[in-house]
Amino acid sequence: MICDVCNENNATVHLTEIINDKVVEMHICQTCAQDKAEQLNKHLNISGFLGSLSDMVDNLPQQQRPTKCPSCGFKYEDFKKKGRLGCGKCYETFRELLLPLLKKIHSATTHAGKIPAGLDKKPSTSNQLKIGELHQSLSRAVKLEEYEEAAKLRDQIKELEKNSRA
């Protein structure tokens, strides 16, 4: 099969895309695939995107920031450049820096999972998760001396706890 882009080389990469409910197949050679990948990387710079997001939510004072992971030596600045961490220990080391970023991207800092169809949904479980998340936010607000935010979070926690008992 000949490459759909250059019409010269043998196609080694086969892409299937669904556009407006129509299946579009593209067969391209290795050279054209590399060119397309480079173009895509220029347009979709994921690491740059994560880096800019981390700049927006990065509010820990410089002296409180961990400098590097004790396990692999990876630095937070490396994460901002590459968009990925070095090892599992990095998640613990840079936890305080990553939590606001995760909250910005996913609107939460914990994964609750999905409940399979047909099972009873337990609101108390989702309330418990929400309460736990609010407690974490409350601790962070107190640590950063954001007392007005802490008061709002405290009131939300009380309201959820009251509703889960009822």
C-alpha atoms as a PDB file:
ATOM      1  CA  MET A   1       0.000   0.000   0.000  1.00  0.00           C
ATOM      2  CA  ILE A   2       1.409   3.420  -0.989  1.00  0.00           C
ATOM      3  CA  CYS A   3       1.533   6.441   1.367  1.00  0.00           C
ATOM      4  CA  ASP A   4      -1.528   8.717   1.065  1.00  0.00           C
ATOM      5  CA  VAL A   5       0.605  11.824   1.714  1.00  0.00           C
ATOM      6  CA  CYS A   6       3.709  11.498  -0.479  1.00  0.00           C
ATOM      7  CA  ASN A   7       2.397   8.799  -2.854  1.00  0.00           C
ATOM      8  CA  GLU A   8       5.921   7.315  -3.027  1.00  0.00           C
ATOM      9  CA  ASN A   9       6.847   5.137  -0.045  1.00  0.00           C
ATOM     10  CA  ASN A  10       5.147   2.068   1.397  1.00  0.00           C
ATOM     11  CA  ALA A  11       2.601   2.915   4.086  1.00  0.00           C
ATOM     12  CA  THR A  12       3.597   1.527   7.481  1.00  0.00           C
ATOM     13  CA  VAL A  13       1.312   3.616   9.703  1.00  0.00           C
ATOM     14  CA  HIS A  14      -2.445   3.209   9.411  1.00  0.00           C
ATOM     15  CA  LEU A  15      -4.716   5.755  11.083  1.00  0.00           C
ATOM     16  CA  THR A  16      -8.460   5.499  11.457  1.00  0.00           C
ATOM     17  CA  GLU A  17     -10.367   8.628  12.409  1.00  0.00           C
ATOM     18  CA  ILE A  18     -14.081   9.256  12.812  1.00  0.00           C
ATOM     19  CA  ILE A  19     -15.075  12.714  11.583  1.00  0.00           C
ATOM     20  CA  ASN A  20     -18.754  13.711  11.574  1.00  0.00           C
ATOM     21  CA  ASP A  21     -19.846  10.054  11.854  1.00  0.00           C
ATOM     22  CA  LYS A  22     -17.709   9.074   8.851  1.00  0.00           C
ATOM     23  CA  VAL A  23     -14.753   6.728   9.091  1.00  0.00           C
ATOM     24  CA  VAL A  24     -11.656   8.201   7.472  1.00  0.00           C
ATOM     25  CA  GLU A  25      -8.641   5.942   6.985  1.00  0.00           C
ATOM     26  CA  MET A  26      -5.177   7.251   6.268  1.00  0.00           C
ATOM     27  CA  HIS A  27      -2.176   5.124   5.320  1.00  0.00           C
ATOM     28  CA  ILE A  28       1.174   6.889   5.607  1.00  0.00           C
ATOM     29  CA  CYS A  29       4.871   6.054   5.479  1.00  0.00           C
ATOM     30  CA  GLN A  30       7.297   6.386   8.389  1.00  0.00           C
ATOM     31  CA  THR A  31       8.783   9.670   7.087  1.00  0.00           C
ATOM     32  CA  CYS A  32       5.404  11.363   6.643  1.00  0.00           C
ATOM     33  CA  ALA A  33       4.265  10.035  10.041  1.00  0.00           C
ATOM     34  CA  GLN A  34       7.291  11.661  11.721  1.00  0.00           C
ATOM     35  CA  ASP A  35       6.580  14.959   9.937  1.00  0.00           C
ATOM     36  CA  LYS A  36       2.950  14.837  11.085  1.00  0.00           C
ATOM     37  CA  ALA A  37       4.031  14.035  14.643  1.00  0.00           C
ATOM     38  CA  GLU A  38       6.372  17.057  14.668  1.00  0.00           C
ATOM     39  CA  GLN A  39       3.572  19.306  13.403  1.00  0.00           C
ATOM     40  CA  LEU A  40       1.227  17.954  16.047  1.00  0.00           C
ATOM     41  CA  ASN A  41       3.789  18.514  18.808  1.00  0.00           C
ATOM     42  CA  LYS A  42       4.188  22.141  17.737  1.00  0.00           C
ATOM     43  CA  HIS A  43       0.424  22.695  17.936  1.00  0.00           C
ATOM     44  CA  LEU A  44      -0.238  20.579  21.033  1.00  0.00           C
ATOM     45  CA  ASN A  45       2.543  21.343  23.475  1.00  0.00           C
ATOM     46  CA  ILE A  46       1.213  19.393  26.477  1.00  0.00           C
ATOM     47  CA  SER A  47       4.268  19.968  28.664  1.00  0.00           C
ATOM     48  CA  GLY A  48       4.128  23.704  27.951  1.00  0.00           C
ATOM     49  CA  PHE A  49       0.428  23.689  28.750  1.00  0.00           C
ATOM     50  CA  LEU A  50       1.016  21.926  32.089  1.00  0.00           C
ATOM     51  CA  GLY A  51       3.911  24.259  32.837  1.00  0.00           C
ATOM     52  CA  SER A  52       1.792  27.349  32.257  1.00  0.00           C
ATOM     53  CA  LEU A  53      -1.016  25.890  34.372  1.00  0.00           C
ATOM     54  CA  SER A  54       1.412  25.118  37.176  1.00  0.00           C
ATOM     55  CA  ASP A  55       2.637  28.736  37.040  1.00  0.00           C
ATOM     56  CA  MET A  56      -0.958  29.914  37.499  1.00  0.00           C
ATOM     57  CA  VAL A  57      -1.637  27.800  40.580  1.00  0.00           C
ATOM     58  CA  ASP A  58       1.880  27.791  42.005  1.00  0.00           C
ATOM     59  CA  ASN A  59       1.418  29.824  45.200  1.00  0.00           C
ATOM     60  CA  LEU A  60       3.696  28.190  47.760  1.00  0.00           C
ATOM     61  CA  PRO A  61       6.444  30.506  48.976  1.00  0.00           C
ATOM     62  CA  GLN A  62       9.837  29.698  47.429  1.00  0.00           C
ATOM     63  CA  GLN A  63      11.362  28.613  50.756  1.00  0.00           C
ATOM     64  CA  GLN A  64       8.574  26.058  51.382  1.00  0.00           C
ATOM     65  CA  ARG A  65       8.968  24.319  48.014  1.00  0.00           C
ATOM     66  CA  PRO A  66      10.778  20.999  47.886  1.00  0.00           C
ATOM     67  CA  THR A  67      13.801  21.366  45.611  1.00  0.00           C
ATOM     68  CA  LYS A  68      14.021  17.820  44.272  1.00  0.00           C
ATOM     69  CA  CYS A  69      12.712  14.289  44.739  1.00  0.00           C
ATOM     70  CA  PRO A  70      14.840  12.354  47.260  1.00  0.00           C
ATOM     71  CA  SER A  71      14.289   9.144  45.303  1.00  0.00           C
ATOM     72  CA  CYS A  72      15.129  10.094  41.706  1.00  0.00           C
ATOM     73  CA  GLY A  73      16.494  13.646  41.964  1.00  0.00           C
ATOM     74  CA  PHE A  74      13.778  15.023  39.675  1.00  0.00           C
ATOM     75  CA  LYS A  75      13.062  18.755  40.128  1.00  0.00           C
ATOM     76  CA  TYR A  76       9.689  20.471  39.984  1.00  0.00           C
ATOM     77  CA  GLU A  77      11.082  22.739  37.270  1.00  0.00           C
ATOM     78  CA  ASP A  78      11.687  19.560  35.221  1.00  0.00           C
ATOM     79  CA  PHE A  79       7.989  18.728  35.574  1.00  0.00           C
ATOM     80  CA  LYS A  80       7.069  22.201  34.349  1.00  0.00           C
ATOM     81  CA  LYS A  81       9.277  21.693  31.280  1.00  0.00           C
ATOM     82  CA  LYS A  82       8.444  18.068  30.469  1.00  0.00           C
ATOM     83  CA  GLY A  83       4.889  17.705  31.768  1.00  0.00           C
ATOM     84  CA  ARG A  84       5.618  14.454  33.602  1.00  0.00           C
ATOM     85  CA  LEU A  85       7.230  13.347  36.853  1.00  0.00           C
ATOM     86  CA  GLY A  86      10.289  11.168  37.389  1.00  0.00           C
ATOM     87  CA  CYS A  87       8.970   8.446  39.736  1.00  0.00           C
ATOM     88  CA  GLY A  88       6.156   7.549  42.118  1.00  0.00           C
ATOM     89  CA  LYS A  89       7.880   9.291  45.032  1.00  0.00           C
ATOM     90  CA  CYS A  90       7.687  12.596  43.079  1.00  0.00           C
ATOM     91  CA  TYR A  91       3.926  12.632  43.687  1.00  0.00           C
ATOM     92  CA  GLU A  92       4.533  12.651  47.441  1.00  0.00           C
ATOM     93  CA  THR A  93       7.449  15.085  47.281  1.00  0.00           C
ATOM     94  CA  PHE A  94       5.650  17.677  45.162  1.00  0.00           C
ATOM     95  CA  ARG A  95       2.180  16.960  46.596  1.00  0.00           C
ATOM     96  CA  GLU A  96       1.521  20.517  47.804  1.00  0.00           C
ATOM     97  CA  LEU A  97       2.474  21.895  44.393  1.00  0.00           C
ATOM     98  CA  LEU A  98       0.486  19.297  42.423  1.00  0.00           C
ATOM     99  CA  LEU A  99      -2.796  19.457  44.363  1.00  0.00           C
ATOM    100  CA  PRO A 100      -3.818  22.940  43.115  1.00  0.00           C
ATOM    101  CA  LEU A 101      -2.874  21.893  39.580  1.00  0.00           C
ATOM    102  CA  LEU A 102      -4.997  18.732  39.794  1.00  0.00           C
ATOM    103  CA  LYS A 103      -7.875  20.747  41.237  1.00  0.00           C
ATOM    104  CA  LYS A 104      -7.618  23.195  38.323  1.00  0.00           C
ATOM    105  CA  ILE A 105      -7.559  20.421  35.699  1.00  0.00           C
ATOM    106  CA  HIS A 106     -10.032  17.913  37.199  1.00  0.00           C
ATOM    107  CA  SER A 107     -12.017  20.114  39.623  1.00  0.00           C
ATOM    108  CA  ALA A 108     -11.101  17.640  42.378  1.00  0.00           C
ATOM    109  CA  THR A 109      -8.069  16.163  44.083  1.00  0.00           C
ATOM    110  CA  THR A 110      -9.413  12.665  44.657  1.00  0.00           C
ATOM    111  CA  HIS A 111     -10.745  10.060  42.276  1.00  0.00           C
ATOM    112  CA  ALA A 112     -14.097   8.712  43.384  1.00  0.00           C
ATOM    113  CA  GLY A 113     -14.563   6.324  40.495  1.00  0.00           C
ATOM    114  CA  LYS A 114     -17.829   5.453  38.842  1.00  0.00           C
ATOM    115  CA  ILE A 115     -20.645   3.330  40.144  1.00  0.00           C
ATOM    116  CA  PRO A 116     -21.615   0.535  37.726  1.00  0.00           C
ATOM    117  CA  ALA A 117     -25.109   0.692  36.259  1.00  0.00           C
ATOM    118  CA  GLY A 118     -27.664  -1.269  38.233  1.00  0.00           C
ATOM    119  CA  LEU A 119     -26.028  -0.781  41.632  1.00  0.00           C
ATOM    120  CA  ASP A 120     -27.590   1.442  44.258  1.00  0.00           C
ATOM    121  CA  LYS A 121     -25.880   4.784  44.379  1.00  0.00           C
ATOM    122  CA  LYS A 122     -24.911   5.637  47.919  1.00  0.00           C
ATOM    123  CA  PRO A 123     -25.008   9.391  48.512  1.00  0.00           C
ATOM    124  CA  SER A 124     -23.270   8.920  51.848  1.00  0.00           C
ATOM    125  CA  THR A 125     -20.165   7.629  50.036  1.00  0.00           C
ATOM    126  CA  SER A 126     -20.003  10.665  47.763  1.00  0.00           C
ATOM    127  CA  ASN A 127     -20.655  12.913  50.786  1.00  0.00           C
ATOM    128  CA  GLN A 128     -17.805  11.273  52.674  1.00  0.00           C
ATOM    129  CA  LEU A 129     -15.483  11.834  49.731  1.00  0.00           C
ATOM    130  CA  LYS A 130     -16.583  15.460  49.445  1.00  0.00           C
ATOM    131  CA  ILE A 131     -16.121  15.980  53.196  1.00  0.00           C
ATOM    132  CA  GLY A 132     -12.615  14.491  53.002  1.00  0.00           C
ATOM    133  CA  GLU A 133     -11.776  16.759  50.089  1.00  0.00           C
ATOM    134  CA  LEU A 134     -13.107  19.780  51.966  1.00  0.00           C
ATOM    135  CA  HIS A 135     -11.027  18.850  55.038  1.00  0.00           C
ATOM    136  CA  GLN A 136      -7.901  18.813  52.853  1.00  0.00           C
ATOM    137  CA  SER A 137      -8.809  22.197  51.401  1.00  0.00           C
ATOM    138  CA  LEU A 138      -9.484  23.498  54.912  1.00  0.00           C
ATOM    139  CA  SER A 139      -6.050  22.362  56.126  1.00  0.00           C
ATOM    140  CA  ARG A 140      -4.414  24.000  53.141  1.00  0.00           C
ATOM    141  CA  ALA A 141      -6.349  27.266  53.665  1.00  0.00           C
ATOM    142  CA  VAL A 142      -5.344  27.384  57.339  1.00  0.00           C
ATOM    143  CA  LYS A 143      -1.724  26.651  56.437  1.00  0.00           C
ATOM    144  CA  LEU A 144      -1.774  29.533  53.932  1.00  0.00           C
ATOM    145  CA  GLU A 145      -3.579  31.740  56.487  1.00  0.00           C
ATOM    146  CA  GLU A 146      -6.626  32.175  54.239  1.00  0.00           C
ATOM    147  CA  TYR A 147      -9.048  32.391  57.142  1.00  0.00           C
ATOM    148  CA  GLU A 148     -12.113  33.630  55.242  1.00  0.00           C
ATOM    149  CA  GLU A 149     -11.824  30.684  52.839  1.00  0.00           C
ATOM    150  CA  ALA A 150     -11.262  28.368  55.819  1.00  0.00           C
ATOM    151  CA  ALA A 151     -14.466  29.601  57.445  1.00  0.00           C
ATOM    152  CA  LYS A 152     -16.466  28.938  54.267  1.00  0.00           C
ATOM    153  CA  LEU A 153     -14.990  25.436  53.999  1.00  0.00           C
ATOM    154  CA  ARG A 154     -15.753  24.744  57.674  1.00  0.00           C
ATOM    155  CA  ASP A 155     -19.399  25.746  57.108  1.00  0.00           C
ATOM    156  CA  GLN A 156     -19.635  23.508  54.023  1.00  0.00           C
ATOM    157  CA  ILE A 157     -18.250  20.575  56.006  1.00  0.00           C
ATOM    158  CA  LYS A 158     -20.762  21.130  58.829  1.00  0.00           C
ATOM    159  CA  GLU A 159     -23.641  21.308  56.339  1.00  0.00           C
ATOM    160  CA  LEU A 160     -22.590  18.086  54.564  1.00  0.00           C
ATOM    161  CA  GLU A 161     -22.089  16.263  57.877  1.00  0.00           C
ATOM    162  CA  LYS A 162     -25.527  17.398  59.036  1.00  0.00           C
ATOM    163  CA  ASN A 163     -27.148  16.218  55.775  1.00  0.00           C
ATOM    164  CA  SER A 164     -25.400  12.828  55.871  1.00  0.00           C
ATOM    165  CA  ARG A 165     -26.736  12.154  59.395  1.00  0.00           C
ATOM    166  CA  ALA A 166     -30.307  13.013  58.390  1.00  0.00           C
END
